[in-house]
Amino acid sequence: MRQDGGRPSPGMRPRVLDAWGEEIAPALTVLLVPRDPTESTAFFRFQVMKTHDPRDLYERVLAFLQADYFQQPRNFSGLLAAVLPPDSSIAAALQKHARCILEFDQFSQHYRLTCAVLTLPAADPIREAAIWHNRAFNPSLPDDVEVLLLKPRWEPAKAERPRPVPTSTAKSRK
């Protein structure tokens, strides 16, 4: 959050695969779910409702997130949430399979997490937290978005070697 103006880094946007390794999405922004989302949801909702100036909203929310929001890992549940547009083909594929593999890559780290996928119903506190968090960056986010809960299996997760970058096999001509 402290770099690149708060834009999601590659480490926040894993590649999404089905259980057989077929790509569902090259990247999906995921959110860490707080153990108790009540306070952060109230903060995001208040900030979104307080101003119609998107720049002011962005700066307030970014300051909150850059301060100490992410500094205490014990404040997070280990769950992830993803907000997708209504009628999203990615959401449909994830719901159909009910499982996925997330591949996170950032710097020299690579992680694979197997996740169960659940659709969060209206008024679920985690759904509300994810929506208001996203509205802080996109105030026009509609109410009918799909919010998926991703429940990782943390036990088998481990850092792996980064995937090699494909290189051209063509030989240069002299």
N, C-alpha and C. Protein backbone atom coordinates (compact mmCIF):
# COMPACT_ATOMS: atom_id res chain seq x y z
N MET A 1 0.81 -1.20 0.00
CA MET A 1 0.00 0.00 0.00
C MET A 1 0.85 1.26 0.00
N ARG A 2 2.07 1.13 0.43
CA ARG A 2 2.92 2.32 0.54
C ARG A 2 3.67 2.62 -0.75
N GLN A 3 3.55 1.77 -1.72
CA GLN A 3 4.24 1.99 -2.98
C GLN A 3 3.22 2.08 -4.11
N ASP A 4 3.61 2.77 -5.15
CA ASP A 4 2.79 2.86 -6.36
C ASP A 4 1.40 3.45 -6.11
N GLY A 5 1.33 4.39 -5.16
CA GLY A 5 0.07 5.08 -4.91
C GLY A 5 -1.06 4.18 -4.43
N GLY A 6 -0.73 3.06 -3.82
CA GLY A 6 -1.76 2.16 -3.30
C GLY A 6 -2.36 1.22 -4.32
N ARG A 7 -1.90 1.28 -5.56
CA ARG A 7 -2.43 0.35 -6.57
C ARG A 7 -2.05 -1.08 -6.20
N PRO A 8 -2.89 -2.03 -6.50
CA PRO A 8 -2.57 -3.42 -6.16
C PRO A 8 -1.27 -3.87 -6.83
N SER A 9 -0.39 -4.42 -6.04
CA SER A 9 0.87 -4.95 -6.56
C SER A 9 0.63 -6.33 -7.16
N PRO A 10 1.60 -6.86 -7.91
CA PRO A 10 1.43 -8.22 -8.43
C PRO A 10 1.16 -9.24 -7.31
N GLY A 11 1.73 -9.01 -6.14
CA GLY A 11 1.52 -9.92 -5.02
C GLY A 11 0.10 -9.91 -4.47
N MET A 12 -0.70 -8.91 -4.85
CA MET A 12 -2.10 -8.84 -4.43
C MET A 12 -3.03 -9.34 -5.53
N ARG A 13 -2.44 -9.72 -6.67
CA ARG A 13 -3.24 -10.13 -7.83
C ARG A 13 -2.76 -11.49 -8.33
N PRO A 14 -3.12 -12.55 -7.62
CA PRO A 14 -2.66 -13.87 -8.04
C PRO A 14 -3.29 -14.33 -9.36
N ARG A 15 -2.56 -15.20 -10.02
CA ARG A 15 -3.10 -15.93 -11.17
C ARG A 15 -4.07 -16.97 -10.61
N VAL A 16 -5.17 -17.20 -11.30
CA VAL A 16 -6.20 -18.12 -10.81
C VAL A 16 -6.31 -19.31 -11.75
N LEU A 17 -6.18 -20.50 -11.17
CA LEU A 17 -6.26 -21.75 -11.93
C LEU A 17 -7.37 -22.62 -11.36
N ASP A 18 -7.93 -23.48 -12.20
CA ASP A 18 -8.86 -24.46 -11.66
C ASP A 18 -8.05 -25.60 -11.04
N ALA A 19 -8.71 -26.58 -10.50
CA ALA A 19 -8.03 -27.68 -9.80
C ALA A 19 -7.14 -28.51 -10.71
N TRP A 20 -7.33 -28.41 -12.04
CA TRP A 20 -6.54 -29.17 -13.00
C TRP A 20 -5.41 -28.34 -13.60
N GLY A 21 -5.27 -27.09 -13.13
CA GLY A 21 -4.18 -26.25 -13.60
C GLY A 21 -4.51 -25.39 -14.80
N GLU A 22 -5.76 -25.37 -15.25
CA GLU A 22 -6.16 -24.52 -16.37
C GLU A 22 -6.43 -23.11 -15.85
N GLU A 23 -5.93 -22.12 -16.56
CA GLU A 23 -6.08 -20.74 -16.12
C GLU A 23 -7.53 -20.26 -16.24
N ILE A 24 -8.02 -19.71 -15.15
CA ILE A 24 -9.33 -19.06 -15.12
C ILE A 24 -9.16 -17.56 -15.34
N ALA A 25 -8.11 -17.00 -14.72
CA ALA A 25 -7.84 -15.56 -14.87
C ALA A 25 -6.34 -15.34 -14.70
N PRO A 26 -5.75 -14.46 -15.52
CA PRO A 26 -4.32 -14.18 -15.38
C PRO A 26 -4.00 -13.41 -14.11
N ALA A 27 -4.99 -12.69 -13.56
CA ALA A 27 -4.81 -11.95 -12.31
C ALA A 27 -6.17 -11.63 -11.71
N LEU A 28 -6.24 -11.67 -10.39
CA LEU A 28 -7.46 -11.35 -9.67
C LEU A 28 -7.07 -10.63 -8.39
N THR A 29 -7.59 -9.43 -8.20
CA THR A 29 -7.28 -8.69 -6.97
C THR A 29 -8.02 -9.34 -5.81
N VAL A 30 -7.28 -9.67 -4.76
CA VAL A 30 -7.88 -10.26 -3.57
C VAL A 30 -7.59 -9.37 -2.36
N LEU A 31 -8.50 -9.43 -1.40
CA LEU A 31 -8.37 -8.66 -0.17
C LEU A 31 -8.16 -9.60 1.00
N LEU A 32 -7.34 -9.17 1.94
CA LEU A 32 -7.22 -9.89 3.20
C LEU A 32 -8.46 -9.58 4.02
N VAL A 33 -9.07 -10.58 4.62
CA VAL A 33 -10.29 -10.40 5.39
C VAL A 33 -9.94 -10.22 6.87
N PRO A 34 -10.34 -9.08 7.46
CA PRO A 34 -10.09 -8.89 8.89
C PRO A 34 -10.86 -9.91 9.73
N ARG A 35 -10.31 -10.24 10.90
CA ARG A 35 -11.03 -11.13 11.83
C ARG A 35 -12.39 -10.54 12.17
N ASP A 36 -12.40 -9.26 12.46
CA ASP A 36 -13.65 -8.55 12.73
C ASP A 36 -13.70 -7.35 11.80
N PRO A 37 -14.46 -7.47 10.71
CA PRO A 37 -14.48 -6.39 9.72
C PRO A 37 -15.34 -5.18 10.10
N THR A 38 -15.97 -5.20 11.26
CA THR A 38 -16.92 -4.15 11.64
C THR A 38 -16.29 -2.76 11.59
N GLU A 39 -15.13 -2.59 12.21
CA GLU A 39 -14.50 -1.26 12.29
C GLU A 39 -14.07 -0.75 10.92
N SER A 40 -13.39 -1.60 10.15
CA SER A 40 -12.92 -1.13 8.84
C SER A 40 -14.10 -0.89 7.89
N THR A 41 -15.13 -1.71 7.97
CA THR A 41 -16.32 -1.48 7.13
C THR A 41 -16.95 -0.13 7.46
N ALA A 42 -17.07 0.17 8.76
CA ALA A 42 -17.64 1.45 9.17
C ALA A 42 -16.77 2.61 8.67
N PHE A 43 -15.45 2.45 8.76
CA PHE A 43 -14.56 3.51 8.28
C PHE A 43 -14.74 3.72 6.78
N PHE A 44 -14.68 2.66 6.00
CA PHE A 44 -14.81 2.78 4.55
C PHE A 44 -16.17 3.36 4.16
N ARG A 45 -17.24 2.86 4.78
CA ARG A 45 -18.58 3.36 4.48
C ARG A 45 -18.67 4.86 4.78
N PHE A 46 -18.18 5.25 5.94
CA PHE A 46 -18.22 6.67 6.33
C PHE A 46 -17.46 7.53 5.32
N GLN A 47 -16.27 7.09 4.93
CA GLN A 47 -15.46 7.88 4.00
C GLN A 47 -16.15 7.99 2.63
N VAL A 48 -16.74 6.90 2.16
CA VAL A 48 -17.42 6.93 0.87
C VAL A 48 -18.62 7.86 0.93
N MET A 49 -19.38 7.81 2.02
CA MET A 49 -20.58 8.63 2.14
C MET A 49 -20.26 10.10 2.44
N LYS A 50 -19.09 10.36 2.99
CA LYS A 50 -18.70 11.70 3.45
C LYS A 50 -18.42 12.67 2.31
N THR A 51 -17.85 12.20 1.23
CA THR A 51 -17.43 13.12 0.18
C THR A 51 -17.81 12.62 -1.20
N HIS A 52 -18.00 13.57 -2.09
CA HIS A 52 -18.24 13.23 -3.49
C HIS A 52 -17.00 13.48 -4.33
N ASP A 53 -15.92 13.88 -3.65
CA ASP A 53 -14.66 14.17 -4.33
C ASP A 53 -13.82 12.89 -4.34
N PRO A 54 -13.69 12.20 -5.48
CA PRO A 54 -12.97 10.93 -5.52
C PRO A 54 -11.51 11.05 -5.08
N ARG A 55 -10.87 12.18 -5.36
CA ARG A 55 -9.46 12.36 -4.95
C ARG A 55 -9.35 12.46 -3.44
N ASP A 56 -10.26 13.20 -2.81
CA ASP A 56 -10.26 13.33 -1.35
C ASP A 56 -10.50 11.95 -0.71
N LEU A 57 -11.47 11.23 -1.24
CA LEU A 57 -11.78 9.88 -0.74
C LEU A 57 -10.56 8.98 -0.85
N TYR A 58 -9.95 8.97 -2.02
CA TYR A 58 -8.78 8.13 -2.26
C TYR A 58 -7.66 8.46 -1.27
N GLU A 59 -7.38 9.73 -1.07
CA GLU A 59 -6.30 10.12 -0.16
C GLU A 59 -6.58 9.74 1.28
N ARG A 60 -7.82 9.90 1.75
CA ARG A 60 -8.17 9.52 3.12
C ARG A 60 -8.03 8.00 3.34
N VAL A 61 -8.55 7.25 2.39
CA VAL A 61 -8.51 5.79 2.52
C VAL A 61 -7.07 5.28 2.41
N LEU A 62 -6.33 5.84 1.49
CA LEU A 62 -4.94 5.43 1.33
C LEU A 62 -4.14 5.72 2.59
N ALA A 63 -4.34 6.88 3.21
CA ALA A 63 -3.65 7.21 4.46
C ALA A 63 -3.99 6.19 5.55
N PHE A 64 -5.26 5.79 5.63
CA PHE A 64 -5.70 4.78 6.62
C PHE A 64 -5.00 3.45 6.37
N LEU A 65 -4.99 3.01 5.12
CA LEU A 65 -4.40 1.71 4.80
C LEU A 65 -2.88 1.73 4.93
N GLN A 66 -2.26 2.87 4.65
CA GLN A 66 -0.80 2.96 4.74
C GLN A 66 -0.32 3.10 6.17
N ALA A 67 -1.17 3.53 7.07
CA ALA A 67 -0.76 3.74 8.46
C ALA A 67 -0.47 2.40 9.12
N ASP A 68 -1.43 1.87 9.84
CA ASP A 68 -1.14 0.60 10.53
C ASP A 68 -2.16 -0.49 10.24
N TYR A 69 -3.02 -0.30 9.27
CA TYR A 69 -4.06 -1.28 8.96
C TYR A 69 -3.48 -2.68 8.73
N PHE A 70 -2.42 -2.78 7.94
CA PHE A 70 -1.86 -4.09 7.59
C PHE A 70 -0.70 -4.51 8.49
N GLN A 71 -0.41 -3.73 9.53
CA GLN A 71 0.79 -3.98 10.34
C GLN A 71 0.63 -5.09 11.38
N GLN A 72 -0.59 -5.51 11.66
CA GLN A 72 -0.83 -6.53 12.68
C GLN A 72 -1.46 -7.77 12.05
N PRO A 73 -0.65 -8.75 11.68
CA PRO A 73 -1.20 -9.96 11.03
C PRO A 73 -2.29 -10.64 11.85
N ARG A 74 -2.21 -10.54 13.17
CA ARG A 74 -3.22 -11.21 14.01
C ARG A 74 -4.62 -10.61 13.82
N ASN A 75 -4.70 -9.43 13.21
CA ASN A 75 -6.01 -8.80 12.96
C ASN A 75 -6.71 -9.38 11.74
N PHE A 76 -6.06 -10.30 11.03
CA PHE A 76 -6.64 -10.85 9.81
C PHE A 76 -6.96 -12.33 9.99
N SER A 77 -7.97 -12.79 9.30
CA SER A 77 -8.53 -14.12 9.49
C SER A 77 -7.82 -15.23 8.72
N GLY A 78 -7.03 -14.88 7.72
CA GLY A 78 -6.46 -15.90 6.85
C GLY A 78 -7.34 -16.19 5.65
N LEU A 79 -8.49 -15.53 5.57
CA LEU A 79 -9.40 -15.67 4.44
C LEU A 79 -9.13 -14.55 3.44
N LEU A 80 -9.53 -14.77 2.21
CA LEU A 80 -9.39 -13.77 1.15
C LEU A 80 -10.75 -13.53 0.53
N ALA A 81 -10.95 -12.33 0.02
CA ALA A 81 -12.20 -12.01 -0.66
C ALA A 81 -11.88 -11.38 -2.01
N ALA A 82 -12.75 -11.62 -2.97
CA ALA A 82 -12.61 -11.03 -4.30
C ALA A 82 -13.96 -10.44 -4.70
N VAL A 83 -13.91 -9.22 -5.21
CA VAL A 83 -15.12 -8.54 -5.69
C VAL A 83 -15.07 -8.54 -7.21
N LEU A 84 -16.12 -9.09 -7.81
CA LEU A 84 -16.18 -9.22 -9.27
C LEU A 84 -17.47 -8.60 -9.80
N PRO A 85 -17.46 -8.17 -11.05
CA PRO A 85 -18.67 -7.56 -11.62
C PRO A 85 -19.82 -8.57 -11.69
N PRO A 86 -21.05 -8.05 -11.71
CA PRO A 86 -22.19 -8.94 -11.91
C PRO A 86 -22.02 -9.68 -13.24
N ASP A 87 -22.45 -10.91 -13.31
CA ASP A 87 -22.35 -11.72 -14.52
C ASP A 87 -20.91 -11.96 -14.97
N SER A 88 -19.97 -11.95 -14.04
CA SER A 88 -18.57 -12.18 -14.36
C SER A 88 -18.33 -13.65 -14.74
N SER A 89 -17.64 -13.85 -15.84
CA SER A 89 -17.32 -15.23 -16.25
C SER A 89 -16.30 -15.84 -15.28
N ILE A 90 -15.46 -15.02 -14.69
CA ILE A 90 -14.49 -15.52 -13.70
C ILE A 90 -15.24 -16.01 -12.46
N ALA A 91 -16.18 -15.20 -11.98
CA ALA A 91 -16.98 -15.61 -10.82
C ALA A 91 -17.75 -16.89 -11.13
N ALA A 92 -18.33 -16.98 -12.31
CA ALA A 92 -19.09 -18.18 -12.69
C ALA A 92 -18.20 -19.42 -12.69
N ALA A 93 -16.99 -19.29 -13.24
CA ALA A 93 -16.07 -20.44 -13.28
C ALA A 93 -15.65 -20.85 -11.87
N LEU A 94 -15.36 -19.87 -11.02
CA LEU A 94 -14.96 -20.19 -9.65
C LEU A 94 -16.11 -20.83 -8.88
N GLN A 95 -17.30 -20.32 -9.06
CA GLN A 95 -18.47 -20.90 -8.38
C GLN A 95 -18.74 -22.32 -8.88
N LYS A 96 -18.57 -22.55 -10.16
CA LYS A 96 -18.80 -23.88 -10.75
C LYS A 96 -17.85 -24.90 -10.17
N HIS A 97 -16.58 -24.54 -10.08
CA HIS A 97 -15.56 -25.48 -9.59
C HIS A 97 -15.54 -25.58 -8.07
N ALA A 98 -15.93 -24.51 -7.38
CA ALA A 98 -15.94 -24.43 -5.92
C ALA A 98 -14.56 -24.59 -5.30
N ARG A 99 -13.54 -24.64 -6.14
CA ARG A 99 -12.14 -24.72 -5.68
C ARG A 99 -11.28 -24.00 -6.71
N CYS A 100 -10.13 -23.54 -6.26
CA CYS A 100 -9.20 -22.94 -7.20
C CYS A 100 -7.79 -22.97 -6.61
N ILE A 101 -6.85 -22.65 -7.46
CA ILE A 101 -5.46 -22.51 -7.04
C ILE A 101 -5.08 -21.06 -7.33
N LEU A 102 -4.54 -20.40 -6.33
CA LEU A 102 -4.05 -19.04 -6.51
C LEU A 102 -2.53 -19.09 -6.56
N GLU A 103 -1.96 -18.50 -7.57
CA GLU A 103 -0.49 -18.41 -7.70
C GLU A 103 -0.08 -16.96 -7.50
N PHE A 104 0.61 -16.72 -6.40
CA PHE A 104 1.09 -15.39 -6.07
C PHE A 104 2.56 -15.28 -6.46
N ASP A 105 2.92 -14.23 -7.17
CA ASP A 105 4.31 -13.95 -7.54
C ASP A 105 4.62 -12.51 -7.22
N GLN A 106 5.69 -12.30 -6.47
CA GLN A 106 6.18 -10.94 -6.24
C GLN A 106 7.65 -11.05 -5.87
N PHE A 107 8.42 -10.20 -6.51
CA PHE A 107 9.86 -10.19 -6.31
C PHE A 107 10.40 -11.60 -6.57
N SER A 108 11.07 -12.21 -5.62
CA SER A 108 11.61 -13.55 -5.87
C SER A 108 10.80 -14.62 -5.15
N GLN A 109 9.56 -14.32 -4.80
CA GLN A 109 8.72 -15.28 -4.10
C GLN A 109 7.58 -15.76 -4.99
N HIS A 110 7.25 -17.04 -4.84
CA HIS A 110 6.13 -17.64 -5.56
C HIS A 110 5.41 -18.57 -4.58
N TYR A 111 4.10 -18.37 -4.45
CA TYR A 111 3.29 -19.21 -3.57
C TYR A 111 2.11 -19.76 -4.36
N ARG A 112 1.73 -20.99 -4.04
CA ARG A 112 0.52 -21.60 -4.58
C ARG A 112 -0.37 -21.95 -3.41
N LEU A 113 -1.61 -21.49 -3.47
CA LEU A 113 -2.58 -21.78 -2.43
C LEU A 113 -3.80 -22.45 -3.06
N THR A 114 -4.18 -23.58 -2.52
CA THR A 114 -5.43 -24.22 -2.92
C THR A 114 -6.53 -23.62 -2.05
N CYS A 115 -7.62 -23.21 -2.67
CA CYS A 115 -8.70 -22.54 -1.94
C CYS A 115 -10.05 -23.16 -2.24
N ALA A 116 -10.89 -23.18 -1.23
CA ALA A 116 -12.32 -23.43 -1.44
C ALA A 116 -12.93 -22.08 -1.81
N VAL A 117 -13.95 -22.11 -2.64
CA VAL A 117 -14.60 -20.87 -3.10
C VAL A 117 -16.05 -20.89 -2.65
N LEU A 118 -16.46 -19.82 -1.98
CA LEU A 118 -17.84 -19.67 -1.53
C LEU A 118 -18.38 -18.33 -1.98
N THR A 119 -19.65 -18.28 -2.33
CA THR A 119 -20.31 -17.02 -2.67
C THR A 119 -20.91 -16.46 -1.39
N LEU A 120 -20.60 -15.21 -1.09
CA LEU A 120 -21.12 -14.60 0.13
C LEU A 120 -22.51 -14.01 -0.12
N PRO A 121 -23.45 -14.31 0.75
CA PRO A 121 -24.81 -13.79 0.58
C PRO A 121 -24.89 -12.31 0.97
N ALA A 122 -25.95 -11.65 0.53
CA ALA A 122 -26.20 -10.26 0.90
C ALA A 122 -26.20 -10.12 2.42
N ALA A 123 -25.70 -9.01 2.89
CA ALA A 123 -25.64 -8.66 4.32
C ALA A 123 -24.61 -9.45 5.11
N ASP A 124 -23.86 -10.33 4.47
CA ASP A 124 -22.77 -11.01 5.18
C ASP A 124 -21.72 -9.96 5.54
N PRO A 125 -21.21 -9.94 6.78
CA PRO A 125 -20.25 -8.92 7.18
C PRO A 125 -18.98 -8.89 6.32
N ILE A 126 -18.52 -10.03 5.87
CA ILE A 126 -17.33 -10.07 5.02
C ILE A 126 -17.65 -9.49 3.64
N ARG A 127 -18.83 -9.80 3.13
CA ARG A 127 -19.25 -9.23 1.84
C ARG A 127 -19.33 -7.71 1.94
N GLU A 128 -19.95 -7.22 3.00
CA GLU A 128 -20.06 -5.77 3.19
C GLU A 128 -18.67 -5.13 3.31
N ALA A 129 -17.77 -5.78 4.03
CA ALA A 129 -16.41 -5.24 4.18
C ALA A 129 -15.72 -5.14 2.83
N ALA A 130 -15.83 -6.18 2.03
CA ALA A 130 -15.18 -6.18 0.71
C ALA A 130 -15.78 -5.12 -0.22
N ILE A 131 -17.10 -4.99 -0.19
CA ILE A 131 -17.75 -3.99 -1.04
C ILE A 131 -17.34 -2.58 -0.65
N TRP A 132 -17.40 -2.26 0.64
CA TRP A 132 -17.05 -0.89 1.06
C TRP A 132 -15.58 -0.61 0.87
N HIS A 133 -14.73 -1.60 1.07
CA HIS A 133 -13.30 -1.42 0.79
C HIS A 133 -13.12 -1.06 -0.69
N ASN A 134 -13.76 -1.78 -1.57
CA ASN A 134 -13.64 -1.51 -3.00
C ASN A 134 -14.31 -0.20 -3.40
N ARG A 135 -15.39 0.14 -2.76
CA ARG A 135 -16.05 1.42 -3.07
C ARG A 135 -15.16 2.61 -2.71
N ALA A 136 -14.27 2.42 -1.77
CA ALA A 136 -13.35 3.50 -1.42
C ALA A 136 -12.48 3.87 -2.62
N PHE A 137 -12.26 2.92 -3.52
CA PHE A 137 -11.46 3.16 -4.71
C PHE A 137 -12.32 3.30 -5.96
N ASN A 138 -13.56 2.84 -5.88
CA ASN A 138 -14.50 2.93 -7.00
C ASN A 138 -15.90 3.19 -6.41
N PRO A 139 -16.19 4.48 -6.10
CA PRO A 139 -17.46 4.79 -5.44
C PRO A 139 -18.71 4.39 -6.22
N SER A 140 -18.59 4.16 -7.52
CA SER A 140 -19.76 3.78 -8.31
C SER A 140 -19.97 2.26 -8.38
N LEU A 141 -19.27 1.51 -7.56
CA LEU A 141 -19.42 0.05 -7.54
C LEU A 141 -20.88 -0.30 -7.25
N PRO A 142 -21.51 -1.11 -8.09
CA PRO A 142 -22.93 -1.43 -7.87
C PRO A 142 -23.13 -2.40 -6.71
N ASP A 143 -24.35 -2.45 -6.22
CA ASP A 143 -24.69 -3.34 -5.10
C ASP A 143 -24.69 -4.80 -5.50
N ASP A 144 -24.90 -5.09 -6.80
CA ASP A 144 -25.07 -6.48 -7.21
C ASP A 144 -23.78 -7.16 -7.66
N VAL A 145 -22.65 -6.67 -7.17
CA VAL A 145 -21.38 -7.34 -7.50
C VAL A 145 -21.35 -8.73 -6.88
N GLU A 146 -20.51 -9.57 -7.43
CA GLU A 146 -20.27 -10.91 -6.87
C GLU A 146 -19.11 -10.78 -5.88
N VAL A 147 -19.31 -11.25 -4.67
CA VAL A 147 -18.22 -11.27 -3.70
C VAL A 147 -17.98 -12.73 -3.33
N LEU A 148 -16.76 -13.17 -3.63
CA LEU A 148 -16.39 -14.56 -3.35
C LEU A 148 -15.44 -14.61 -2.18
N LEU A 149 -15.66 -15.59 -1.33
CA LEU A 149 -14.76 -15.86 -0.22
C LEU A 149 -13.85 -16.99 -0.63
N LEU A 150 -12.57 -16.79 -0.49
CA LEU A 150 -11.57 -17.80 -0.82
C LEU A 150 -10.95 -18.28 0.48
N LYS A 151 -11.15 -19.57 0.76
CA LYS A 151 -10.64 -20.16 2.01
C LYS A 151 -9.40 -21.00 1.69
N PRO A 152 -8.21 -20.41 1.88
CA PRO A 152 -6.98 -21.14 1.55
C PRO A 152 -6.70 -22.30 2.51
N ARG A 153 -6.05 -23.31 1.97
CA ARG A 153 -5.48 -24.38 2.79
C ARG A 153 -4.04 -23.96 3.06
N TRP A 154 -3.80 -23.36 4.22
CA TRP A 154 -2.50 -22.79 4.54
C TRP A 154 -1.46 -23.85 4.87
N GLU A 155 -1.87 -24.99 5.42
CA GLU A 155 -0.90 -26.00 5.87
C GLU A 155 0.07 -26.43 4.77
N PRO A 156 -0.41 -26.80 3.57
CA PRO A 156 0.54 -27.24 2.56
C PRO A 156 1.22 -26.10 1.79
N ALA A 157 0.82 -24.85 2.07
CA ALA A 157 1.38 -23.71 1.31
C ALA A 157 2.84 -23.51 1.69
N LYS A 158 3.64 -23.24 0.68
CA LYS A 158 5.05 -22.95 0.93
C LYS A 158 5.58 -22.13 -0.24
N ALA A 159 6.65 -21.43 0.05
CA ALA A 159 7.29 -20.65 -1.01
C ALA A 159 7.93 -21.61 -2.00
N GLU A 160 7.82 -21.28 -3.26
CA GLU A 160 8.45 -22.08 -4.31
C GLU A 160 9.40 -21.18 -5.08
N ARG A 161 10.20 -21.79 -5.90
CA ARG A 161 11.04 -20.98 -6.78
C ARG A 161 10.16 -20.23 -7.75
N PRO A 162 10.56 -19.01 -8.10
CA PRO A 162 9.76 -18.27 -9.08
C PRO A 162 9.70 -19.03 -10.40
N ARG A 163 8.58 -18.85 -11.10
CA ARG A 163 8.45 -19.47 -12.42
C ARG A 163 9.43 -18.80 -13.36
N PRO A 164 10.08 -19.57 -14.21
CA PRO A 164 11.01 -18.95 -15.17
C PRO A 164 10.26 -18.08 -16.18
N VAL A 165 10.91 -17.01 -16.57
CA VAL A 165 10.34 -16.13 -17.58
C VAL A 165 10.63 -16.76 -18.93
N PRO A 166 9.59 -16.94 -19.77
CA PRO A 166 9.83 -17.56 -21.08
C PRO A 166 10.81 -16.71 -21.90
N THR A 167 11.71 -17.39 -22.58
CA THR A 167 12.64 -16.69 -23.46
C THR A 167 12.41 -17.16 -24.89
N SER A 168 12.80 -16.34 -25.80
CA SER A 168 12.63 -16.68 -27.20
C SER A 168 13.61 -17.78 -27.58
N THR A 169 13.14 -18.72 -28.36
CA THR A 169 14.02 -19.81 -28.82
C THR A 169 14.63 -19.50 -30.18
N ALA A 170 14.20 -18.39 -30.74
CA ALA A 170 14.74 -18.02 -32.06
C ALA A 170 16.20 -17.58 -31.93
N LYS A 171 17.02 -18.06 -32.84
CA LYS A 171 18.43 -17.67 -32.84
C LYS A 171 18.60 -16.39 -33.63
N SER A 172 19.44 -15.53 -33.10
CA SER A 172 19.67 -14.28 -33.82
C SER A 172 20.57 -14.54 -35.02
N ARG A 173 20.31 -13.82 -36.08
CA ARG A 173 21.12 -13.98 -37.31
C ARG A 173 22.17 -12.88 -37.34
N LYS A 174 23.32 -13.27 -37.81
CA LYS A 174 24.41 -12.29 -37.92
C LYS A 174 24.61 -11.87 -39.32
